[in-house]
Amino acid sequence: MALIERLMHIDSDKTRHMSVHTFFAAIGEMMYGNLTATQVKNYYAMTAEDLVDWNALAAQVPAAGTVARALWLEHIHSVFILAEQRVPTFSTPAEVRTRLGI
């Protein structure tokens, strides 16, 4: 299963489940330069499947120092919180990927 499924806690291997809030914090710290992408990927032991979603999200990150970047980060955090709870229209990995534009 890929990154989205891990964040939604759908992965059949429960040890691969990821906390949405911890992931959000790691991405925020990475964007501030306190963590590298490699450190985040290694911490989560990302697989090739995970990296497909990771790379799709990374391609959307607005330029550094912009308000758009903070808004983007808040948007993905909101989507993943709703996805984790399987709120209608955020209840399947396909719906979540659509919401994220990936």
PDB file of N, CA and C in Angstrom:
ATOM      1  N   MET A   1       0.839  -1.178   0.000  1.00  0.00           N
ATOM      2  CA  MET A   1       0.000   0.000   0.000  1.00  0.00           C
ATOM      3  C   MET A   1       0.886   1.244   0.000  1.00  0.00           C
ATOM      4  N   ALA A   2       0.348   2.307  -0.521  1.00  0.00           N
ATOM      5  CA  ALA A   2       1.111   3.539  -0.691  1.00  0.00           C
ATOM      6  C   ALA A   2       0.864   4.528   0.455  1.00  0.00           C
ATOM      7  N   LEU A   3       1.511   5.674   0.335  1.00  0.00           N
ATOM      8  CA  LEU A   3       1.492   6.703   1.367  1.00  0.00           C
ATOM      9  C   LEU A   3       0.070   7.093   1.785  1.00  0.00           C
ATOM     10  N   ILE A   4      -0.805   7.302   0.822  1.00  0.00           N
ATOM     11  CA  ILE A   4      -2.186   7.711   1.147  1.00  0.00           C
ATOM     12  C   ILE A   4      -2.852   6.646   2.012  1.00  0.00           C
ATOM     13  N   GLU A   5      -2.706   5.386   1.625  1.00  0.00           N
ATOM     14  CA  GLU A   5      -3.308   4.304   2.399  1.00  0.00           C
ATOM     15  C   GLU A   5      -2.713   4.221   3.799  1.00  0.00           C
ATOM     16  N   ARG A   6      -1.429   4.487   3.915  1.00  0.00           N
ATOM     17  CA  ARG A   6      -0.792   4.470   5.235  1.00  0.00           C
ATOM     18  C   ARG A   6      -1.358   5.572   6.117  1.00  0.00           C
ATOM     19  N   LEU A   7      -1.560   6.752   5.546  1.00  0.00           N
ATOM     20  CA  LEU A   7      -2.106   7.869   6.323  1.00  0.00           C
ATOM     21  C   LEU A   7      -3.584   7.661   6.661  1.00  0.00           C
ATOM     22  N   MET A   8      -4.288   6.908   5.808  1.00  0.00           N
ATOM     23  CA  MET A   8      -5.702   6.603   6.070  1.00  0.00           C
ATOM     24  C   MET A   8      -5.858   5.396   6.998  1.00  0.00           C
ATOM     25  N   HIS A   9      -4.755   4.756   7.330  1.00  0.00           N
ATOM     26  CA  HIS A   9      -4.737   3.547   8.166  1.00  0.00           C
ATOM     27  C   HIS A   9      -5.479   2.394   7.498  1.00  0.00           C
ATOM     28  N   ILE A  10      -5.325   2.300   6.187  1.00  0.00           N
ATOM     29  CA  ILE A  10      -5.919   1.210   5.412  1.00  0.00           C
ATOM     30  C   ILE A  10      -4.917   0.080   5.217  1.00  0.00           C
ATOM     31  N   ASP A  11      -3.645   0.381   5.282  1.00  0.00           N
ATOM     32  CA  ASP A  11      -2.608  -0.630   5.074  1.00  0.00           C
ATOM     33  C   ASP A  11      -2.854  -1.812   6.003  1.00  0.00           C
ATOM     34  N   SER A  12      -2.840  -3.011   5.459  1.00  0.00           N
ATOM     35  CA  SER A  12      -3.122  -4.202   6.269  1.00  0.00           C
ATOM     36  C   SER A  12      -2.044  -4.441   7.331  1.00  0.00           C
ATOM     37  N   ASP A  13      -0.852  -3.931   7.106  1.00  0.00           N
ATOM     38  CA  ASP A  13       0.221  -4.024   8.092  1.00  0.00           C
ATOM     39  C   ASP A  13       0.130  -2.803   9.013  1.00  0.00           C
ATOM     40  N   LYS A  14      -0.454  -2.986  10.167  1.00  0.00           N
ATOM     41  CA  LYS A  14      -0.697  -1.861  11.077  1.00  0.00           C
ATOM     42  C   LYS A  14       0.577  -1.143  11.515  1.00  0.00           C
ATOM     43  N   THR A  15       1.727  -1.814  11.421  1.00  0.00           N
ATOM     44  CA  THR A  15       2.979  -1.157  11.794  1.00  0.00           C
ATOM     45  C   THR A  15       3.360  -0.080  10.776  1.00  0.00           C
ATOM     46  N   ARG A  16       2.725  -0.092   9.604  1.00  0.00           N
ATOM     47  CA  ARG A  16       3.019   0.909   8.577  1.00  0.00           C
ATOM     48  C   ARG A  16       2.074   2.116   8.658  1.00  0.00           C
ATOM     49  N   HIS A  17       1.087   2.066   9.530  1.00  0.00           N
ATOM     50  CA  HIS A  17       0.181   3.207   9.670  1.00  0.00           C
ATOM     51  C   HIS A  17       0.976   4.436  10.105  1.00  0.00           C
ATOM     52  N   MET A  18       0.556   5.597   9.614  1.00  0.00           N
ATOM     53  CA  MET A  18       1.252   6.848   9.908  1.00  0.00           C
ATOM     54  C   MET A  18       0.295   7.822  10.588  1.00  0.00           C
ATOM     55  N   SER A  19       0.783   8.504  11.587  1.00  0.00           N
ATOM     56  CA  SER A  19       0.002   9.560  12.222  1.00  0.00           C
ATOM     57  C   SER A  19      -0.065  10.762  11.280  1.00  0.00           C
ATOM     58  N   VAL A  20      -1.273  11.209  11.009  1.00  0.00           N
ATOM     59  CA  VAL A  20      -1.453  12.375  10.142  1.00  0.00           C
ATOM     60  C   VAL A  20      -0.759  13.592  10.746  1.00  0.00           C
ATOM     61  N   HIS A  21      -0.899  13.784  12.039  1.00  0.00           N
ATOM     62  CA  HIS A  21      -0.326  14.969  12.669  1.00  0.00           C
ATOM     63  C   HIS A  21       1.205  14.930  12.680  1.00  0.00           C
ATOM     64  N   THR A  22       1.773  13.757  12.902  1.00  0.00           N
ATOM     65  CA  THR A  22       3.227  13.646  12.881  1.00  0.00           C
ATOM     66  C   THR A  22       3.747  13.862  11.464  1.00  0.00           C
ATOM     67  N   PHE A  23       3.050  13.320  10.481  1.00  0.00           N
ATOM     68  CA  PHE A  23       3.451  13.521   9.084  1.00  0.00           C
ATOM     69  C   PHE A  23       3.381  15.007   8.728  1.00  0.00           C
ATOM     70  N   PHE A  24       2.301  15.667   9.127  1.00  0.00           N
ATOM     71  CA  PHE A  24       2.134  17.105   8.889  1.00  0.00           C
ATOM     72  C   PHE A  24       3.291  17.880   9.531  1.00  0.00           C
ATOM     73  N   ALA A  25       3.634  17.529  10.758  1.00  0.00           N
ATOM     74  CA  ALA A  25       4.728  18.212  11.449  1.00  0.00           C
ATOM     75  C   ALA A  25       6.055  17.974  10.732  1.00  0.00           C
ATOM     76  N   ALA A  26       6.290  16.757  10.287  1.00  0.00           N
ATOM     77  CA  ALA A  26       7.536  16.447   9.580  1.00  0.00           C
ATOM     78  C   ALA A  26       7.631  17.230   8.273  1.00  0.00           C
ATOM     79  N   ILE A  27       6.531  17.324   7.549  1.00  0.00           N
ATOM     80  CA  ILE A  27       6.533  18.076   6.294  1.00  0.00           C
ATOM     81  C   ILE A  27       6.778  19.560   6.580  1.00  0.00           C
ATOM     82  N   GLY A  28       6.135  20.081   7.609  1.00  0.00           N
ATOM     83  CA  GLY A  28       6.351  21.480   7.982  1.00  0.00           C
ATOM     84  C   GLY A  28       7.798  21.748   8.351  1.00  0.00           C
ATOM     85  N   GLU A  29       8.398  20.875   9.147  1.00  0.00           N
ATOM     86  CA  GLU A  29       9.794  21.050   9.535  1.00  0.00           C
ATOM     87  C   GLU A  29      10.735  20.906   8.341  1.00  0.00           C
ATOM     88  N   MET A  30      10.354  20.043   7.409  1.00  0.00           N
ATOM     89  CA  MET A  30      11.139  19.904   6.182  1.00  0.00           C
ATOM     90  C   MET A  30      11.080  21.196   5.372  1.00  0.00           C
ATOM     91  N   MET A  31       9.893  21.781   5.289  1.00  0.00           N
ATOM     92  CA  MET A  31       9.726  23.021   4.530  1.00  0.00           C
ATOM     93  C   MET A  31      10.483  24.182   5.176  1.00  0.00           C
ATOM     94  N   TYR A  32      10.679  24.137   6.499  1.00  0.00           N
ATOM     95  CA  TYR A  32      11.451  25.167   7.202  1.00  0.00           C
ATOM     96  C   TYR A  32      12.950  24.889   7.186  1.00  0.00           C
ATOM     97  N   GLY A  33      13.335  23.749   6.629  1.00  0.00           N
ATOM     98  CA  GLY A  33      14.752  23.417   6.531  1.00  0.00           C
ATOM     99  C   GLY A  33      15.324  22.695   7.732  1.00  0.00           C
ATOM    100  N   ASN A  34      14.469  22.268   8.654  1.00  0.00           N
ATOM    101  CA  ASN A  34      14.951  21.579   9.853  1.00  0.00           C
ATOM    102  C   ASN A  34      15.084  20.070   9.667  1.00  0.00           C
ATOM    103  N   LEU A  35      14.466  19.539   8.649  1.00  0.00           N
ATOM    104  CA  LEU A  35      14.593  18.135   8.263  1.00  0.00           C
ATOM    105  C   LEU A  35      14.808  18.105   6.757  1.00  0.00           C
ATOM    106  N   THR A  36      15.451  17.065   6.278  1.00  0.00           N
ATOM    107  CA  THR A  36      15.581  16.895   4.832  1.00  0.00           C
ATOM    108  C   THR A  36      14.512  15.919   4.355  1.00  0.00           C
ATOM    109  N   ALA A  37      14.254  15.942   3.068  1.00  0.00           N
ATOM    110  CA  ALA A  37      13.305  14.985   2.492  1.00  0.00           C
ATOM    111  C   ALA A  37      13.796  13.562   2.742  1.00  0.00           C
ATOM    112  N   THR A  38      15.090  13.358   2.634  1.00  0.00           N
ATOM    113  CA  THR A  38      15.654  12.025   2.871  1.00  0.00           C
ATOM    114  C   THR A  38      15.397  11.569   4.303  1.00  0.00           C
ATOM    115  N   GLN A  39      15.547  12.473   5.263  1.00  0.00           N
ATOM    116  CA  GLN A  39      15.280  12.109   6.660  1.00  0.00           C
ATOM    117  C   GLN A  39      13.813  11.704   6.853  1.00  0.00           C
ATOM    118  N   VAL A  40      12.909  12.450   6.249  1.00  0.00           N
ATOM    119  CA  VAL A  40      11.477  12.129   6.381  1.00  0.00           C
ATOM    120  C   VAL A  40      11.187  10.787   5.714  1.00  0.00           C
ATOM    121  N   LYS A  41      11.690  10.596   4.507  1.00  0.00           N
ATOM    122  CA  LYS A  41      11.451   9.334   3.789  1.00  0.00           C
ATOM    123  C   LYS A  41      12.048   8.156   4.557  1.00  0.00           C
ATOM    124  N   ASN A  42      13.221   8.326   5.114  1.00  0.00           N
ATOM    125  CA  ASN A  42      13.842   7.238   5.883  1.00  0.00           C
ATOM    126  C   ASN A  42      13.087   6.961   7.172  1.00  0.00           C
ATOM    127  N   TYR A  43      12.641   8.007   7.855  1.00  0.00           N
ATOM    128  CA  TYR A  43      11.901   7.824   9.101  1.00  0.00           C
ATOM    129  C   TYR A  43      10.656   6.967   8.863  1.00  0.00           C
ATOM    130  N   TYR A  44       9.970   7.240   7.760  1.00  0.00           N
ATOM    131  CA  TYR A  44       8.753   6.499   7.435  1.00  0.00           C
ATOM    132  C   TYR A  44       9.025   5.237   6.617  1.00  0.00           C
ATOM    133  N   ALA A  45      10.275   4.906   6.397  1.00  0.00           N
ATOM    134  CA  ALA A  45      10.650   3.711   5.627  1.00  0.00           C
ATOM    135  C   ALA A  45       9.802   3.620   4.360  1.00  0.00           C
ATOM    136  N   MET A  46       9.824   4.704   3.594  1.00  0.00           N
ATOM    137  CA  MET A  46       8.988   4.774   2.399  1.00  0.00           C
ATOM    138  C   MET A  46       9.432   3.776   1.340  1.00  0.00           C
ATOM    139  N   THR A  47       8.438   3.130   0.772  1.00  0.00           N
ATOM    140  CA  THR A  47       8.647   2.165  -0.301  1.00  0.00           C
ATOM    141  C   THR A  47       8.498   2.875  -1.645  1.00  0.00           C
ATOM    142  N   ALA A  48       8.753   2.148  -2.715  1.00  0.00           N
ATOM    143  CA  ALA A  48       8.559   2.708  -4.055  1.00  0.00           C
ATOM    144  C   ALA A  48       7.120   3.167  -4.241  1.00  0.00           C
ATOM    145  N   GLU A  49       6.166   2.406  -3.708  1.00  0.00           N
ATOM    146  CA  GLU A  49       4.754   2.804  -3.804  1.00  0.00           C
ATOM    147  C   GLU A  49       4.500   4.116  -3.062  1.00  0.00           C
ATOM    148  N   ASP A  50       5.069   4.241  -1.851  1.00  0.00           N
ATOM    149  CA  ASP A  50       4.919   5.477  -1.079  1.00  0.00           C
ATOM    150  C   ASP A  50       5.471   6.664  -1.852  1.00  0.00           C
ATOM    151  N   LEU A  51       6.604   6.442  -2.500  1.00  0.00           N
ATOM    152  CA  LEU A  51       7.283   7.537  -3.202  1.00  0.00           C
ATOM    153  C   LEU A  51       6.490   8.066  -4.391  1.00  0.00           C
ATOM    154  N   VAL A  52       5.621   7.263  -4.958  1.00  0.00           N
ATOM    155  CA  VAL A  52       4.760   7.766  -6.040  1.00  0.00           C
ATOM    156  C   VAL A  52       3.881   8.894  -5.499  1.00  0.00           C
ATOM    157  N   ASP A  53       3.214   8.661  -4.368  1.00  0.00           N
ATOM    158  CA  ASP A  53       2.381   9.699  -3.751  1.00  0.00           C
ATOM    159  C   ASP A  53       3.242  10.857  -3.245  1.00  0.00           C
ATOM    160  N   TRP A  54       4.361  10.540  -2.604  1.00  0.00           N
ATOM    161  CA  TRP A  54       5.270  11.570  -2.090  1.00  0.00           C
ATOM    162  C   TRP A  54       5.693  12.517  -3.211  1.00  0.00           C
ATOM    163  N   ASN A  55       6.143  11.950  -4.321  1.00  0.00           N
ATOM    164  CA  ASN A  55       6.614  12.769  -5.441  1.00  0.00           C
ATOM    165  C   ASN A  55       5.491  13.591  -6.063  1.00  0.00           C
ATOM    166  N   ALA A  56       4.297  13.026  -6.121  1.00  0.00           N
ATOM    167  CA  ALA A  56       3.154  13.768  -6.656  1.00  0.00           C
ATOM    168  C   ALA A  56       2.828  14.962  -5.757  1.00  0.00           C
ATOM    169  N   LEU A  57       2.887  14.768  -4.447  1.00  0.00           N
ATOM    170  CA  LEU A  57       2.651  15.874  -3.514  1.00  0.00           C
ATOM    171  C   LEU A  57       3.775  16.901  -3.597  1.00  0.00           C
ATOM    172  N   ALA A  58       5.010  16.419  -3.637  1.00  0.00           N
ATOM    173  CA  ALA A  58       6.165  17.320  -3.689  1.00  0.00           C
ATOM    174  C   ALA A  58       6.122  18.214  -4.928  1.00  0.00           C
ATOM    175  N   ALA A  59       5.583  17.699  -6.011  1.00  0.00           N
ATOM    176  CA  ALA A  59       5.496  18.481  -7.247  1.00  0.00           C
ATOM    177  C   ALA A  59       4.537  19.660  -7.116  1.00  0.00           C
ATOM    178  N   GLN A  60       3.683  19.621  -6.116  1.00  0.00           N
ATOM    179  CA  GLN A  60       2.690  20.686  -5.917  1.00  0.00           C
ATOM    180  C   GLN A  60       3.124  21.769  -4.945  1.00  0.00           C
ATOM    181  N   VAL A  61       4.203  21.568  -4.226  1.00  0.00           N
ATOM    182  CA  VAL A  61       4.600  22.513  -3.182  1.00  0.00           C
ATOM    183  C   VAL A  61       4.908  23.878  -3.809  1.00  0.00           C
ATOM    184  N   PRO A  62       4.203  24.919  -3.358  1.00  0.00           N
ATOM    185  CA  PRO A  62       4.484  26.266  -3.874  1.00  0.00           C
ATOM    186  C   PRO A  62       5.885  26.741  -3.489  1.00  0.00           C
ATOM    187  N   ALA A  63       6.318  27.779  -4.129  1.00  0.00           N
ATOM    188  CA  ALA A  63       7.659  28.338  -3.902  1.00  0.00           C
ATOM    189  C   ALA A  63       7.856  28.734  -2.438  1.00  0.00           C
ATOM    190  N   ALA A  64       9.089  28.581  -1.979  1.00  0.00           N
ATOM    191  CA  ALA A  64       9.444  28.934  -0.596  1.00  0.00           C
ATOM    192  C   ALA A  64       9.156  30.402  -0.329  1.00  0.00           C
ATOM    193  N   GLY A  65       8.764  30.686   0.900  1.00  0.00           N
ATOM    194  CA  GLY A  65       8.546  32.069   1.311  1.00  0.00           C
ATOM    195  C   GLY A  65       7.230  32.667   0.871  1.00  0.00           C
ATOM    196  N   THR A  66       6.336  31.836   0.348  1.00  0.00           N
ATOM    197  CA  THR A  66       5.049  32.373  -0.103  1.00  0.00           C
ATOM    198  C   THR A  66       3.938  31.970   0.856  1.00  0.00           C
ATOM    199  N   VAL A  67       2.922  32.794   0.904  1.00  0.00           N
ATOM    200  CA  VAL A  67       1.737  32.468   1.698  1.00  0.00           C
ATOM    201  C   VAL A  67       1.086  31.209   1.132  1.00  0.00           C
ATOM    202  N   ALA A  68       1.166  31.045  -0.180  1.00  0.00           N
ATOM    203  CA  ALA A  68       0.578  29.872  -0.823  1.00  0.00           C
ATOM    204  C   ALA A  68       1.152  28.577  -0.249  1.00  0.00           C
ATOM    205  N   ARG A  69       2.401  28.595   0.136  1.00  0.00           N
ATOM    206  CA  ARG A  69       3.042  27.401   0.698  1.00  0.00           C
ATOM    207  C   ARG A  69       2.388  27.025   2.027  1.00  0.00           C
ATOM    208  N   ALA A  70       2.164  27.997   2.886  1.00  0.00           N
ATOM    209  CA  ALA A  70       1.509  27.730   4.173  1.00  0.00           C
ATOM    210  C   ALA A  70       0.082  27.247   3.956  1.00  0.00           C
ATOM    211  N   LEU A  71      -0.611  27.842   3.002  1.00  0.00           N
ATOM    212  CA  LEU A  71      -1.980  27.415   2.713  1.00  0.00           C
ATOM    213  C   LEU A  71      -2.012  25.999   2.140  1.00  0.00           C
ATOM    214  N   TRP A  72      -1.038  25.674   1.299  1.00  0.00           N
ATOM    215  CA  TRP A  72      -0.965  24.327   0.739  1.00  0.00           C
ATOM    216  C   TRP A  72      -0.762  23.309   1.854  1.00  0.00           C
ATOM    217  N   LEU A  73       0.152  23.602   2.765  1.00  0.00           N
ATOM    218  CA  LEU A  73       0.434  22.697   3.867  1.00  0.00           C
ATOM    219  C   LEU A  73      -0.816  22.489   4.723  1.00  0.00           C
ATOM    220  N   GLU A  74      -1.517  23.558   5.000  1.00  0.00           N
ATOM    221  CA  GLU A  74      -2.750  23.449   5.788  1.00  0.00           C
ATOM    222  C   GLU A  74      -3.804  22.638   5.036  1.00  0.00           C
ATOM    223  N   HIS A  75      -3.863  22.811   3.735  1.00  0.00           N
ATOM    224  CA  HIS A  75      -4.829  22.061   2.917  1.00  0.00           C
ATOM    225  C   HIS A  75      -4.565  20.558   2.993  1.00  0.00           C
ATOM    226  N   ILE A  76      -3.300  20.141   2.791  1.00  0.00           N
ATOM    227  CA  ILE A  76      -3.055  18.700   2.827  1.00  0.00           C
ATOM    228  C   ILE A  76      -3.296  18.138   4.225  1.00  0.00           C
ATOM    229  N   HIS A  77      -3.004  18.926   5.249  1.00  0.00           N
ATOM    230  CA  HIS A  77      -3.270  18.488   6.623  1.00  0.00           C
ATOM    231  C   HIS A  77      -4.766  18.235   6.799  1.00  0.00           C
ATOM    232  N   SER A  78      -5.581  19.164   6.351  1.00  0.00           N
ATOM    233  CA  SER A  78      -7.037  19.015   6.459  1.00  0.00           C
ATOM    234  C   SER A  78      -7.535  17.794   5.698  1.00  0.00           C
ATOM    235  N   VAL A  79      -7.045  17.614   4.491  1.00  0.00           N
ATOM    236  CA  VAL A  79      -7.468  16.464   3.685  1.00  0.00           C
ATOM    237  C   VAL A  79      -7.125  15.163   4.407  1.00  0.00           C
ATOM    238  N   PHE A  80      -5.912  15.063   4.939  1.00  0.00           N
ATOM    239  CA  PHE A  80      -5.518  13.825   5.602  1.00  0.00           C
ATOM    240  C   PHE A  80      -6.279  13.585   6.902  1.00  0.00           C
ATOM    241  N   ILE A  81      -6.618  14.634   7.629  1.00  0.00           N
ATOM    242  CA  ILE A  81      -7.438  14.460   8.840  1.00  0.00           C
ATOM    243  C   ILE A  81      -8.805  13.904   8.456  1.00  0.00           C
ATOM    244  N   LEU A  82      -9.416  14.475   7.437  1.00  0.00           N
ATOM    245  CA  LEU A  82     -10.728  13.993   6.994  1.00  0.00           C
ATOM    246  C   LEU A  82     -10.628  12.578   6.428  1.00  0.00           C
ATOM    247  N   ALA A  83      -9.556  12.292   5.724  1.00  0.00           N
ATOM    248  CA  ALA A  83      -9.364  10.954   5.156  1.00  0.00           C
ATOM    249  C   ALA A  83      -9.180   9.903   6.240  1.00  0.00           C
ATOM    250  N   GLU A  84      -8.437  10.264   7.273  1.00  0.00           N
ATOM    251  CA  GLU A  84      -8.193   9.331   8.373  1.00  0.00           C
ATOM    252  C   GLU A  84      -9.515   8.918   9.028  1.00  0.00           C
ATOM    253  N   GLN A  85     -10.462   9.841   9.066  1.00  0.00           N
ATOM    254  CA  GLN A  85     -11.767   9.578   9.677  1.00  0.00           C
ATOM    255  C   GLN A  85     -12.791   9.052   8.674  1.00  0.00           C
ATOM    256  N   ARG A  86     -12.398   8.969   7.412  1.00  0.00           N
ATOM    257  CA  ARG A  86     -13.246   8.482   6.315  1.00  0.00           C
ATOM    258  C   ARG A  86     -14.536   9.287   6.171  1.00  0.00           C
ATOM    259  N   VAL A  87     -14.400  10.602   6.263  1.00  0.00           N
ATOM    260  CA  VAL A  87     -15.522  11.511   6.054  1.00  0.00           C
ATOM    261  C   VAL A  87     -16.007  11.333   4.608  1.00  0.00           C
ATOM    262  N   PRO A  88     -17.316  11.390   4.351  1.00  0.00           N
ATOM    263  CA  PRO A  88     -17.800  11.235   2.971  1.00  0.00           C
ATOM    264  C   PRO A  88     -17.044  12.157   2.008  1.00  0.00           C
ATOM    265  N   THR A  89     -16.725  11.625   0.872  1.00  0.00           N
ATOM    266  CA  THR A  89     -15.926  12.204  -0.212  1.00  0.00           C
ATOM    267  C   THR A  89     -14.436  12.251   0.119  1.00  0.00           C
ATOM    268  N   PHE A  90     -14.058  11.714   1.277  1.00  0.00           N
ATOM    269  CA  PHE A  90     -12.657  11.537   1.678  1.00  0.00           C
ATOM    270  C   PHE A  90     -12.464  10.105   2.175  1.00  0.00           C
ATOM    271  N   SER A  91     -13.324   9.191   1.762  1.00  0.00           N
ATOM    272  CA  SER A  91     -13.358   7.863   2.386  1.00  0.00           C
ATOM    273  C   SER A  91     -12.602   6.775   1.634  1.00  0.00           C
ATOM    274  N   THR A  92     -12.136   7.061   0.438  1.00  0.00           N
ATOM    275  CA  THR A  92     -11.354   6.072  -0.301  1.00  0.00           C
ATOM    276  C   THR A  92     -10.035   6.719  -0.750  1.00  0.00           C
ATOM    277  N   PRO A  93      -9.024   5.909  -0.975  1.00  0.00           N
ATOM    278  CA  PRO A  93      -7.775   6.483  -1.468  1.00  0.00           C
ATOM    279  C   PRO A  93      -7.953   7.257  -2.779  1.00  0.00           C
ATOM    280  N   ALA A  94      -8.812   6.773  -3.651  1.00  0.00           N
ATOM    281  CA  ALA A  94      -9.049   7.478  -4.921  1.00  0.00           C
ATOM    282  C   ALA A  94      -9.657   8.854  -4.671  1.00  0.00           C
ATOM    283  N   GLU A  95     -10.608   8.948  -3.741  1.00  0.00           N
ATOM    284  CA  GLU A  95     -11.209  10.249  -3.428  1.00  0.00           C
ATOM    285  C   GLU A  95     -10.178  11.196  -2.827  1.00  0.00           C
ATOM    286  N   VAL A  96      -9.323  10.662  -1.968  1.00  0.00           N
ATOM    287  CA  VAL A  96      -8.303  11.491  -1.335  1.00  0.00           C
ATOM    288  C   VAL A  96      -7.313  11.999  -2.380  1.00  0.00           C
ATOM    289  N   ARG A  97      -6.893  11.122  -3.266  1.00  0.00           N
ATOM    290  CA  ARG A  97      -5.970  11.556  -4.320  1.00  0.00           C
ATOM    291  C   ARG A  97      -6.615  12.631  -5.197  1.00  0.00           C
ATOM    292  N   THR A  98      -7.894  12.499  -5.464  1.00  0.00           N
ATOM    293  CA  THR A  98      -8.599  13.528  -6.241  1.00  0.00           C
ATOM    294  C   THR A  98      -8.607  14.840  -5.481  1.00  0.00           C
ATOM    295  N   ARG A  99      -8.902  14.798  -4.191  1.00  0.00           N
ATOM    296  CA  ARG A  99      -8.911  16.015  -3.370  1.00  0.00           C
ATOM    297  C   ARG A  99      -7.539  16.690  -3.348  1.00  0.00           C
ATOM    298  N   LEU A 100      -6.500  15.863  -3.372  1.00  0.00           N
ATOM    299  CA  LEU A 100      -5.131  16.387  -3.349  1.00  0.00           C
ATOM    300  C   LEU A 100      -4.637  16.779  -4.735  1.00  0.00           C
ATOM    301  N   GLY A 101      -5.381  16.406  -5.760  1.00  0.00           N
ATOM    302  CA  GLY A 101      -4.964  16.735  -7.123  1.00  0.00           C
ATOM    303  C   GLY A 101      -3.807  15.880  -7.612  1.00  0.00           C
ATOM    304  N   ILE A 102      -3.734  14.652  -7.104  1.00  0.00           N
ATOM    305  CA  ILE A 102      -2.648  13.769  -7.550  1.00  0.00           C
ATOM    306  C   ILE A 102      -3.202  12.498  -8.176  1.00  0.00           C
TER     307      ILE A 102
END
